[in-house]
Structure formats: C-alpha cells, structure tokens
Amino acid sequence: MADEKNLQQEPAEEDDDLVLLEDENGDVTRFQFLELVTVDAKPYAVLLPLDDNEDGGVVIVEVVDLGKETEHYDAVLDDALGERVFEQFRKEFSDSYEFG
C-alpha cells in the first residue's frame, strides 16, 4: 500500500464512502474515502483502511481518470510526495479531522 499517516476518526457506515482495492495478490482491502486533495495539478485520494487499522494510518493514492466515469487508483510510492499530499490534506481539512 501507499503512504500511511496517523489520523483519529471513526469509520463511516455509509457505502458511498467505501472503496475496495485489490493488491497484486488478489487480496481485497476495504477503505473509507476521506477526501480528495490536489497537489501539482494531480488528484490524490486519502483513504482510511477499515480492516486491521489499529494505528489509525491513512493510505494515499493518485486518482487516474480513465474516462466514462471510471477511475483507477495508483499507489503513491514516493515518500516525499506522500508527505506533501498528507500535509496538503492536513491544511485543507484540519477543521474536519483530529490529527495525531
């Protein structure tokens, strides 16, 4: 998975915010979609893992538009980029989330 950061928030119950991602082994993990953040004119999604996330870390992925209302999520593997995206998320949504 991508860059993980600490965040305190209760998982959402609505399916509207539910994102299912499949890894290279075919394992599916459930995430709560928190927010969309733009850095360097590219959109990034901040996701909260719903399964086995005792540390409260989030995952950051780049949102790639495939057209026809279809999106693909690419893992952010560059730590420096992940940190920049998370800092932008903190700035934009500091009133909505409690950061640890």
PDB file of N, CA and C in Angstrom:
ATOM      1  N   MET A   1       0.831  -1.176   0.000  1.00  0.00           N
ATOM      2  CA  MET A   1       0.000   0.000   0.000  1.00  0.00           C
ATOM      3  C   MET A   1       0.875   1.238   0.000  1.00  0.00           C
ATOM      4  N   ALA A   2       0.234   2.374   0.038  1.00  0.00           N
ATOM      5  CA  ALA A   2       0.975   3.617  -0.091  1.00  0.00           C
ATOM      6  C   ALA A   2       1.346   4.191   1.266  1.00  0.00           C
ATOM      7  N   ASP A   3       1.506   5.479   1.290  1.00  0.00           N
ATOM      8  CA  ASP A   3       1.989   6.204   2.445  1.00  0.00           C
ATOM      9  C   ASP A   3       0.960   6.212   3.564  1.00  0.00           C
ATOM     10  N   GLU A   4       1.351   5.822   4.780  1.00  0.00           N
ATOM     11  CA  GLU A   4       0.430   5.794   5.908  1.00  0.00           C
ATOM     12  C   GLU A   4       0.764   6.904   6.885  1.00  0.00           C
ATOM     13  N   LYS A   5      -0.254   7.592   7.375  1.00  0.00           N
ATOM     14  CA  LYS A   5      -0.121   8.678   8.346  1.00  0.00           C
ATOM     15  C   LYS A   5      -1.153   8.460   9.432  1.00  0.00           C
ATOM     16  N   ASN A   6      -0.924   9.018  10.609  1.00  0.00           N
ATOM     17  CA  ASN A   6      -1.852   8.844  11.718  1.00  0.00           C
ATOM     18  C   ASN A   6      -3.010   9.826  11.626  1.00  0.00           C
ATOM     19  N   LEU A   7      -4.207   9.312  11.926  1.00  0.00           N
ATOM     20  CA  LEU A   7      -5.422  10.112  11.878  1.00  0.00           C
ATOM     21  C   LEU A   7      -6.427   9.469  12.815  1.00  0.00           C
ATOM     22  N   GLN A   8      -7.132  10.277  13.590  1.00  0.00           N
ATOM     23  CA  GLN A   8      -8.148   9.774  14.503  1.00  0.00           C
ATOM     24  C   GLN A   8      -9.522  10.107  13.945  1.00  0.00           C
ATOM     25  N   GLN A   9     -10.290   9.067  13.593  1.00  0.00           N
ATOM     26  CA  GLN A   9     -11.651   9.274  13.120  1.00  0.00           C
ATOM     27  C   GLN A   9     -12.372   7.945  13.145  1.00  0.00           C
ATOM     28  N   GLU A  10     -13.648   7.997  13.414  1.00  0.00           N
ATOM     29  CA  GLU A  10     -14.470   6.793  13.386  1.00  0.00           C
ATOM     30  C   GLU A  10     -14.776   6.435  11.941  1.00  0.00           C
ATOM     31  N   PRO A  11     -14.687   5.145  11.563  1.00  0.00           N
ATOM     32  CA  PRO A  11     -15.023   4.734  10.196  1.00  0.00           C
ATOM     33  C   PRO A  11     -16.479   5.031   9.866  1.00  0.00           C
ATOM     34  N   ALA A  12     -16.728   5.379   8.625  1.00  0.00           N
ATOM     35  CA  ALA A  12     -18.088   5.673   8.162  1.00  0.00           C
ATOM     36  C   ALA A  12     -18.872   4.386   7.988  1.00  0.00           C
ATOM     37  N   GLU A  13     -20.160   4.499   8.159  1.00  0.00           N
ATOM     38  CA  GLU A  13     -21.039   3.350   7.972  1.00  0.00           C
ATOM     39  C   GLU A  13     -21.651   3.333   6.582  1.00  0.00           C
ATOM     40  N   GLU A  14     -21.648   4.479   5.873  1.00  0.00           N
ATOM     41  CA  GLU A  14     -22.278   4.547   4.566  1.00  0.00           C
ATOM     42  C   GLU A  14     -21.411   3.865   3.513  1.00  0.00           C
ATOM     43  N   ASP A  15     -22.063   3.186   2.573  1.00  0.00           N
ATOM     44  CA  ASP A  15     -21.347   2.533   1.484  1.00  0.00           C
ATOM     45  C   ASP A  15     -20.836   3.530   0.457  1.00  0.00           C
ATOM     46  N   ASP A  16     -21.369   4.770   0.452  1.00  0.00           N
ATOM     47  CA  ASP A  16     -20.944   5.777  -0.520  1.00  0.00           C
ATOM     48  C   ASP A  16     -19.453   6.080  -0.411  1.00  0.00           C
ATOM     49  N   ASP A  17     -18.908   5.984   0.784  1.00  0.00           N
ATOM     50  CA  ASP A  17     -17.506   6.298   1.018  1.00  0.00           C
ATOM     51  C   ASP A  17     -16.624   5.061   0.992  1.00  0.00           C
ATOM     52  N   LEU A  18     -17.177   3.913   0.657  1.00  0.00           N
ATOM     53  CA  LEU A  18     -16.437   2.655   0.670  1.00  0.00           C
ATOM     54  C   LEU A  18     -15.689   2.448  -0.643  1.00  0.00           C
ATOM     55  N   VAL A  19     -14.387   2.164  -0.519  1.00  0.00           N
ATOM     56  CA  VAL A  19     -13.542   1.882  -1.679  1.00  0.00           C
ATOM     57  C   VAL A  19     -12.916   0.506  -1.452  1.00  0.00           C
ATOM     58  N   LEU A  20     -13.001  -0.349  -2.454  1.00  0.00           N
ATOM     59  CA  LEU A  20     -12.375  -1.659  -2.390  1.00  0.00           C
ATOM     60  C   LEU A  20     -11.182  -1.674  -3.326  1.00  0.00           C
ATOM     61  N   LEU A  21     -10.006  -1.985  -2.793  1.00  0.00           N
ATOM     62  CA  LEU A  21      -8.802  -2.044  -3.608  1.00  0.00           C
ATOM     63  C   LEU A  21      -8.226  -3.444  -3.561  1.00  0.00           C
ATOM     64  N   GLU A  22      -7.813  -3.922  -4.725  1.00  0.00           N
ATOM     65  CA  GLU A  22      -7.228  -5.255  -4.843  1.00  0.00           C
ATOM     66  C   GLU A  22      -5.724  -5.114  -5.046  1.00  0.00           C
ATOM     67  N   ASP A  23      -4.939  -5.869  -4.254  1.00  0.00           N
ATOM     68  CA  ASP A  23      -3.490  -5.807  -4.407  1.00  0.00           C
ATOM     69  C   ASP A  23      -3.014  -6.803  -5.460  1.00  0.00           C
ATOM     70  N   GLU A  24      -1.693  -6.867  -5.655  1.00  0.00           N
ATOM     71  CA  GLU A  24      -1.128  -7.724  -6.693  1.00  0.00           C
ATOM     72  C   GLU A  24      -1.365  -9.213  -6.441  1.00  0.00           C
ATOM     73  N   ASN A  25      -1.725  -9.589  -5.209  1.00  0.00           N
ATOM     74  CA  ASN A  25      -2.014 -10.984  -4.874  1.00  0.00           C
ATOM     75  C   ASN A  25      -3.496 -11.323  -4.985  1.00  0.00           C
ATOM     76  N   GLY A  26      -4.302 -10.333  -5.348  1.00  0.00           N
ATOM     77  CA  GLY A  26      -5.734 -10.556  -5.470  1.00  0.00           C
ATOM     78  C   GLY A  26      -6.493 -10.350  -4.173  1.00  0.00           C
ATOM     79  N   ASP A  27      -5.807  -9.933  -3.109  1.00  0.00           N
ATOM     80  CA  ASP A  27      -6.464  -9.678  -1.827  1.00  0.00           C
ATOM     81  C   ASP A  27      -7.152  -8.315  -1.879  1.00  0.00           C
ATOM     82  N   VAL A  28      -8.388  -8.269  -1.399  1.00  0.00           N
ATOM     83  CA  VAL A  28      -9.171  -7.039  -1.412  1.00  0.00           C
ATOM     84  C   VAL A  28      -9.176  -6.432  -0.013  1.00  0.00           C
ATOM     85  N   THR A  29      -8.929  -5.112   0.052  1.00  0.00           N
ATOM     86  CA  THR A  29      -8.966  -4.379   1.310  1.00  0.00           C
ATOM     87  C   THR A  29     -10.011  -3.288   1.197  1.00  0.00           C
ATOM     88  N   ARG A  30     -10.775  -3.112   2.277  1.00  0.00           N
ATOM     89  CA  ARG A  30     -11.809  -2.076   2.317  1.00  0.00           C
ATOM     90  C   ARG A  30     -11.230  -0.787   2.895  1.00  0.00           C
ATOM     91  N   PHE A  31     -11.606   0.338   2.269  1.00  0.00           N
ATOM     92  CA  PHE A  31     -11.158   1.649   2.718  1.00  0.00           C
ATOM     93  C   PHE A  31     -12.349   2.592   2.789  1.00  0.00           C
ATOM     94  N   GLN A  32     -12.253   3.561   3.687  1.00  0.00           N
ATOM     95  CA  GLN A  32     -13.194   4.676   3.705  1.00  0.00           C
ATOM     96  C   GLN A  32     -12.533   5.820   2.944  1.00  0.00           C
ATOM     97  N   PHE A  33     -13.210   6.340   1.936  1.00  0.00           N
ATOM     98  CA  PHE A  33     -12.713   7.501   1.195  1.00  0.00           C
ATOM     99  C   PHE A  33     -12.900   8.722   2.091  1.00  0.00           C
ATOM    100  N   LEU A  34     -11.792   9.392   2.450  1.00  0.00           N
ATOM    101  CA  LEU A  34     -11.886  10.566   3.315  1.00  0.00           C
ATOM    102  C   LEU A  34     -12.023  11.848   2.508  1.00  0.00           C
ATOM    103  N   GLU A  35     -11.038  12.141   1.684  1.00  0.00           N
ATOM    104  CA  GLU A  35     -11.044  13.402   0.938  1.00  0.00           C
ATOM    105  C   GLU A  35     -10.222  13.266  -0.335  1.00  0.00           C
ATOM    106  N   LEU A  36     -10.442  14.206  -1.242  1.00  0.00           N
ATOM    107  CA  LEU A  36      -9.651  14.324  -2.463  1.00  0.00           C
ATOM    108  C   LEU A  36      -8.804  15.584  -2.322  1.00  0.00           C
ATOM    109  N   VAL A  37      -7.495  15.469  -2.576  1.00  0.00           N
ATOM    110  CA  VAL A  37      -6.558  16.572  -2.434  1.00  0.00           C
ATOM    111  C   VAL A  37      -5.806  16.724  -3.753  1.00  0.00           C
ATOM    112  N   THR A  38      -5.584  17.956  -4.168  1.00  0.00           N
ATOM    113  CA  THR A  38      -4.837  18.210  -5.401  1.00  0.00           C
ATOM    114  C   THR A  38      -3.449  18.745  -5.057  1.00  0.00           C
ATOM    115  N   VAL A  39      -2.426  18.095  -5.607  1.00  0.00           N
ATOM    116  CA  VAL A  39      -1.033  18.523  -5.450  1.00  0.00           C
ATOM    117  C   VAL A  39      -0.390  18.450  -6.826  1.00  0.00           C
ATOM    118  N   ASP A  40       0.274  19.534  -7.231  1.00  0.00           N
ATOM    119  CA  ASP A  40       0.909  19.615  -8.552  1.00  0.00           C
ATOM    120  C   ASP A  40      -0.078  19.274  -9.668  1.00  0.00           C
ATOM    121  N   ALA A  41      -1.299  19.771  -9.540  1.00  0.00           N
ATOM    122  CA  ALA A  41      -2.366  19.610 -10.531  1.00  0.00           C
ATOM    123  C   ALA A  41      -2.804  18.159 -10.726  1.00  0.00           C
ATOM    124  N   LYS A  42      -2.491  17.297  -9.768  1.00  0.00           N
ATOM    125  CA  LYS A  42      -2.930  15.897  -9.826  1.00  0.00           C
ATOM    126  C   LYS A  42      -3.789  15.589  -8.606  1.00  0.00           C
ATOM    127  N   PRO A  43      -4.882  14.832  -8.802  1.00  0.00           N
ATOM    128  CA  PRO A  43      -5.743  14.491  -7.676  1.00  0.00           C
ATOM    129  C   PRO A  43      -5.237  13.250  -6.926  1.00  0.00           C
ATOM    130  N   TYR A  44      -5.319  13.321  -5.599  1.00  0.00           N
ATOM    131  CA  TYR A  44      -4.934  12.212  -4.737  1.00  0.00           C
ATOM    132  C   TYR A  44      -6.064  11.953  -3.754  1.00  0.00           C
ATOM    133  N   ALA A  45      -6.354  10.684  -3.510  1.00  0.00           N
ATOM    134  CA  ALA A  45      -7.372  10.306  -2.540  1.00  0.00           C
ATOM    135  C   ALA A  45      -6.690   9.913  -1.239  1.00  0.00           C
ATOM    136  N   VAL A  46      -7.265  10.362  -0.144  1.00  0.00           N
ATOM    137  CA  VAL A  46      -6.808   9.972   1.181  1.00  0.00           C
ATOM    138  C   VAL A  46      -7.808   8.939   1.685  1.00  0.00           C
ATOM    139  N   LEU A  47      -7.315   7.724   1.932  1.00  0.00           N
ATOM    140  CA  LEU A  47      -8.168   6.590   2.289  1.00  0.00           C
ATOM    141  C   LEU A  47      -7.807   6.071   3.676  1.00  0.00           C
ATOM    142  N   LEU A  48      -8.824   5.676   4.433  1.00  0.00           N
ATOM    143  CA  LEU A  48      -8.638   5.087   5.757  1.00  0.00           C
ATOM    144  C   LEU A  48      -8.942   3.600   5.676  1.00  0.00           C
ATOM    145  N   PRO A  49      -7.954   2.728   5.925  1.00  0.00           N
ATOM    146  CA  PRO A  49      -8.228   1.285   5.901  1.00  0.00           C
ATOM    147  C   PRO A  49      -9.250   0.915   6.978  1.00  0.00           C
ATOM    148  N   LEU A  50     -10.218   0.103   6.620  1.00  0.00           N
ATOM    149  CA  LEU A  50     -11.255  -0.300   7.574  1.00  0.00           C
ATOM    150  C   LEU A  50     -10.951  -1.631   8.243  1.00  0.00           C
ATOM    151  N   ASP A  51     -10.045  -2.401   7.678  1.00  0.00           N
ATOM    152  CA  ASP A  51      -9.697  -3.711   8.233  1.00  0.00           C
ATOM    153  C   ASP A  51      -8.303  -3.636   8.847  1.00  0.00           C
ATOM    154  N   ASP A  52      -8.167  -4.072  10.096  1.00  0.00           N
ATOM    155  CA  ASP A  52      -6.868  -4.156  10.758  1.00  0.00           C
ATOM    156  C   ASP A  52      -6.087  -2.858  10.681  1.00  0.00           C
ATOM    157  N   ASN A  53      -6.689  -1.763  11.142  1.00  0.00           N
ATOM    158  CA  ASN A  53      -6.030  -0.456  11.102  1.00  0.00           C
ATOM    159  C   ASN A  53      -5.916   0.106  12.510  1.00  0.00           C
ATOM    160  N   GLU A  54      -5.261  -0.622  13.386  1.00  0.00           N
ATOM    161  CA  GLU A  54      -5.151  -0.216  14.783  1.00  0.00           C
ATOM    162  C   GLU A  54      -4.333   1.049  14.961  1.00  0.00           C
ATOM    163  N   ASP A  55      -3.392   1.346  14.056  1.00  0.00           N
ATOM    164  CA  ASP A  55      -2.542   2.531  14.206  1.00  0.00           C
ATOM    165  C   ASP A  55      -3.195   3.801  13.676  1.00  0.00           C
ATOM    166  N   GLY A  56      -4.354   3.715  13.027  1.00  0.00           N
ATOM    167  CA  GLY A  56      -5.058   4.897  12.527  1.00  0.00           C
ATOM    168  C   GLY A  56      -4.424   5.507  11.302  1.00  0.00           C
ATOM    169  N   GLY A  57      -3.544   4.776  10.616  1.00  0.00           N
ATOM    170  CA  GLY A  57      -2.861   5.307   9.439  1.00  0.00           C
ATOM    171  C   GLY A  57      -3.774   5.404   8.236  1.00  0.00           C
ATOM    172  N   VAL A  58      -3.474   6.366   7.366  1.00  0.00           N
ATOM    173  CA  VAL A  58      -4.207   6.515   6.119  1.00  0.00           C
ATOM    174  C   VAL A  58      -3.321   6.087   4.959  1.00  0.00           C
ATOM    175  N   VAL A  59      -3.954   5.845   3.828  1.00  0.00           N
ATOM    176  CA  VAL A  59      -3.255   5.470   2.603  1.00  0.00           C
ATOM    177  C   VAL A  59      -3.548   6.538   1.562  1.00  0.00           C
ATOM    178  N   ILE A  60      -2.523   6.939   0.834  1.00  0.00           N
ATOM    179  CA  ILE A  60      -2.670   7.972  -0.189  1.00  0.00           C
ATOM    180  C   ILE A  60      -2.444   7.337  -1.556  1.00  0.00           C
ATOM    181  N   VAL A  61      -3.394   7.579  -2.473  1.00  0.00           N
ATOM    182  CA  VAL A  61      -3.297   7.041  -3.827  1.00  0.00           C
ATOM    183  C   VAL A  61      -3.585   8.159  -4.826  1.00  0.00           C
ATOM    184  N   GLU A  62      -2.951   8.066  -5.999  1.00  0.00           N
ATOM    185  CA  GLU A  62      -3.245   9.009  -7.069  1.00  0.00           C
ATOM    186  C   GLU A  62      -4.488   8.532  -7.799  1.00  0.00           C
ATOM    187  N   VAL A  63      -5.389   9.454  -8.088  1.00  0.00           N
ATOM    188  CA  VAL A  63      -6.621   9.130  -8.798  1.00  0.00           C
ATOM    189  C   VAL A  63      -6.389   9.395 -10.282  1.00  0.00           C
ATOM    190  N   VAL A  64      -6.497   8.342 -11.093  1.00  0.00           N
ATOM    191  CA  VAL A  64      -6.284   8.443 -12.529  1.00  0.00           C
ATOM    192  C   VAL A  64      -7.639   8.294 -13.213  1.00  0.00           C
ATOM    193  N   ASP A  65      -8.040   9.323 -13.961  1.00  0.00           N
ATOM    194  CA  ASP A  65      -9.318   9.309 -14.665  1.00  0.00           C
ATOM    195  C   ASP A  65      -9.180   8.497 -15.947  1.00  0.00           C
ATOM    196  N   LEU A  66      -9.964   7.429 -16.061  1.00  0.00           N
ATOM    197  CA  LEU A  66      -9.940   6.575 -17.248  1.00  0.00           C
ATOM    198  C   LEU A  66     -11.061   6.916 -18.222  1.00  0.00           C
ATOM    199  N   GLY A  67     -11.832   7.966 -17.916  1.00  0.00           N
ATOM    200  CA  GLY A  67     -12.945   8.356 -18.776  1.00  0.00           C
ATOM    201  C   GLY A  67     -14.191   7.543 -18.484  1.00  0.00           C
ATOM    202  N   LYS A  68     -15.300   7.975 -19.035  1.00  0.00           N
ATOM    203  CA  LYS A  68     -16.589   7.298 -18.861  1.00  0.00           C
ATOM    204  C   LYS A  68     -16.886   7.006 -17.392  1.00  0.00           C
ATOM    205  N   GLU A  69     -16.604   8.006 -16.522  1.00  0.00           N
ATOM    206  CA  GLU A  69     -16.874   7.903 -15.088  1.00  0.00           C
ATOM    207  C   GLU A  69     -16.147   6.738 -14.429  1.00  0.00           C
ATOM    208  N   THR A  70     -14.981   6.383 -14.940  1.00  0.00           N
ATOM    209  CA  THR A  70     -14.181   5.301 -14.388  1.00  0.00           C
ATOM    210  C   THR A  70     -12.859   5.860 -13.884  1.00  0.00           C
ATOM    211  N   GLU A  71     -12.465   5.423 -12.684  1.00  0.00           N
ATOM    212  CA  GLU A  71     -11.211   5.860 -12.086  1.00  0.00           C
ATOM    213  C   GLU A  71     -10.347   4.660 -11.745  1.00  0.00           C
ATOM    214  N   HIS A  72      -9.058   4.918 -11.687  1.00  0.00           N
ATOM    215  CA  HIS A  72      -8.084   3.917 -11.275  1.00  0.00           C
ATOM    216  C   HIS A  72      -7.230   4.572 -10.194  1.00  0.00           C
ATOM    217  N   TYR A  73      -6.863   3.822  -9.168  1.00  0.00           N
ATOM    218  CA  TYR A  73      -6.021   4.345  -8.100  1.00  0.00           C
ATOM    219  C   TYR A  73      -4.625   3.760  -8.207  1.00  0.00           C
ATOM    220  N   ASP A  74      -3.617   4.643  -8.280  1.00  0.00           N
ATOM    221  CA  ASP A  74      -2.215   4.226  -8.297  1.00  0.00           C
ATOM    222  C   ASP A  74      -1.596   4.520  -6.936  1.00  0.00           C
ATOM    223  N   ALA A  75      -0.900   3.549  -6.382  1.00  0.00           N
ATOM    224  CA  ALA A  75      -0.232   3.734  -5.098  1.00  0.00           C
ATOM    225  C   ALA A  75       0.815   4.831  -5.201  1.00  0.00           C
ATOM    226  N   VAL A  76       0.918   5.651  -4.174  1.00  0.00           N
ATOM    227  CA  VAL A  76       1.961   6.663  -4.085  1.00  0.00           C
ATOM    228  C   VAL A  76       3.133   6.005  -3.360  1.00  0.00           C
ATOM    229  N   LEU A  77       4.188   5.729  -4.099  1.00  0.00           N
ATOM    230  CA  LEU A  77       5.344   5.036  -3.542  1.00  0.00           C
ATOM    231  C   LEU A  77       6.463   5.985  -3.133  1.00  0.00           C
ATOM    232  N   ASP A  78       6.422   7.216  -3.629  1.00  0.00           N
ATOM    233  CA  ASP A  78       7.419   8.227  -3.300  1.00  0.00           C
ATOM    234  C   ASP A  78       7.060   8.838  -1.941  1.00  0.00           C
ATOM    235  N   ASP A  79       7.911   8.590  -0.928  1.00  0.00           N
ATOM    236  CA  ASP A  79       7.634   9.079   0.423  1.00  0.00           C
ATOM    237  C   ASP A  79       7.507  10.600   0.487  1.00  0.00           C
ATOM    238  N   ALA A  80       8.360  11.310  -0.256  1.00  0.00           N
ATOM    239  CA  ALA A  80       8.318  12.771  -0.243  1.00  0.00           C
ATOM    240  C   ALA A  80       6.991  13.279  -0.820  1.00  0.00           C
ATOM    241  N   LEU A  81       6.527  12.673  -1.894  1.00  0.00           N
ATOM    242  CA  LEU A  81       5.240  13.061  -2.480  1.00  0.00           C
ATOM    243  C   LEU A  81       4.106  12.730  -1.524  1.00  0.00           C
ATOM    244  N   GLY A  82       4.135  11.566  -0.926  1.00  0.00           N
ATOM    245  CA  GLY A  82       3.112  11.187   0.038  1.00  0.00           C
ATOM    246  C   GLY A  82       3.041  12.164   1.196  1.00  0.00           C
ATOM    247  N   GLU A  83       4.191  12.607   1.662  1.00  0.00           N
ATOM    248  CA  GLU A  83       4.248  13.591   2.748  1.00  0.00           C
ATOM    249  C   GLU A  83       3.655  14.921   2.313  1.00  0.00           C
ATOM    250  N   ARG A  84       3.938  15.365   1.093  1.00  0.00           N
ATOM    251  CA  ARG A  84       3.379  16.615   0.574  1.00  0.00           C
ATOM    252  C   ARG A  84       1.859  16.540   0.457  1.00  0.00           C
ATOM    253  N   VAL A  85       1.363  15.408  -0.036  1.00  0.00           N
ATOM    254  CA  VAL A  85      -0.088  15.224  -0.170  1.00  0.00           C
ATOM    255  C   VAL A  85      -0.734  15.224   1.207  1.00  0.00           C
ATOM    256  N   PHE A  86      -0.124  14.525   2.162  1.00  0.00           N
ATOM    257  CA  PHE A  86      -0.699  14.471   3.510  1.00  0.00           C
ATOM    258  C   PHE A  86      -0.695  15.854   4.155  1.00  0.00           C
ATOM    259  N   GLU A  87       0.365  16.631   3.965  1.00  0.00           N
ATOM    260  CA  GLU A  87       0.417  17.983   4.531  1.00  0.00           C
ATOM    261  C   GLU A  87      -0.657  18.875   3.911  1.00  0.00           C
ATOM    262  N   GLN A  88      -0.913  18.716   2.609  1.00  0.00           N
ATOM    263  CA  GLN A  88      -1.987  19.476   1.962  1.00  0.00           C
ATOM    264  C   GLN A  88      -3.341  19.059   2.540  1.00  0.00           C
ATOM    265  N   PHE A  89      -3.527  17.771   2.745  1.00  0.00           N
ATOM    266  CA  PHE A  89      -4.741  17.246   3.372  1.00  0.00           C
ATOM    267  C   PHE A  89      -4.924  17.859   4.765  1.00  0.00           C
ATOM    268  N   ARG A  90      -3.848  17.896   5.555  1.00  0.00           N
ATOM    269  CA  ARG A  90      -3.913  18.487   6.905  1.00  0.00           C
ATOM    270  C   ARG A  90      -4.313  19.955   6.839  1.00  0.00           C
ATOM    271  N   LYS A  91      -3.744  20.702   5.900  1.00  0.00           N
ATOM    272  CA  LYS A  91      -4.056  22.124   5.764  1.00  0.00           C
ATOM    273  C   LYS A  91      -5.521  22.337   5.406  1.00  0.00           C
ATOM    274  N   GLU A  92      -5.975  21.611   4.404  1.00  0.00           N
ATOM    275  CA  GLU A  92      -7.331  21.825   3.883  1.00  0.00           C
ATOM    276  C   GLU A  92      -8.422  21.322   4.822  1.00  0.00           C
ATOM    277  N   PHE A  93      -8.139  20.281   5.600  1.00  0.00           N
ATOM    278  CA  PHE A  93      -9.199  19.633   6.365  1.00  0.00           C
ATOM    279  C   PHE A  93      -8.917  19.563   7.858  1.00  0.00           C
ATOM    280  N   SER A  94      -8.128  20.510   8.371  1.00  0.00           N
ATOM    281  CA  SER A  94      -7.784  20.499   9.800  1.00  0.00           C
ATOM    282  C   SER A  94      -9.013  20.689  10.687  1.00  0.00           C
ATOM    283  N   ASP A  95     -10.057  21.326  10.175  1.00  0.00           N
ATOM    284  CA  ASP A  95     -11.283  21.507  10.947  1.00  0.00           C
ATOM    285  C   ASP A  95     -12.156  20.263  10.984  1.00  0.00           C
ATOM    286  N   SER A  96     -11.914  19.325  10.054  1.00  0.00           N
ATOM    287  CA  SER A  96     -12.768  18.140   9.936  1.00  0.00           C
ATOM    288  C   SER A  96     -12.211  16.900  10.617  1.00  0.00           C
ATOM    289  N   TYR A  97     -10.890  16.855  10.838  1.00  0.00           N
ATOM    290  CA  TYR A  97     -10.243  15.658  11.373  1.00  0.00           C
ATOM    291  C   TYR A  97      -9.312  16.019  12.506  1.00  0.00           C
ATOM    292  N   GLU A  98      -9.110  15.075  13.411  1.00  0.00           N
ATOM    293  CA  GLU A  98      -8.154  15.228  14.506  1.00  0.00           C
ATOM    294  C   GLU A  98      -6.899  14.447  14.136  1.00  0.00           C
ATOM    295  N   PHE A  99      -5.793  15.140  13.985  1.00  0.00           N
ATOM    296  CA  PHE A  99      -4.538  14.517  13.580  1.00  0.00           C
ATOM    297  C   PHE A  99      -3.705  14.190  14.798  1.00  0.00           C
ATOM    298  N   GLY A 100      -3.129  12.961  14.791  1.00  0.00           N
ATOM    299  CA  GLY A 100      -2.314  12.512  15.931  1.00  0.00           C
ATOM    300  C   GLY A 100      -0.855  12.686  15.710  1.00  0.00           C
TER     301      GLY A 100
END
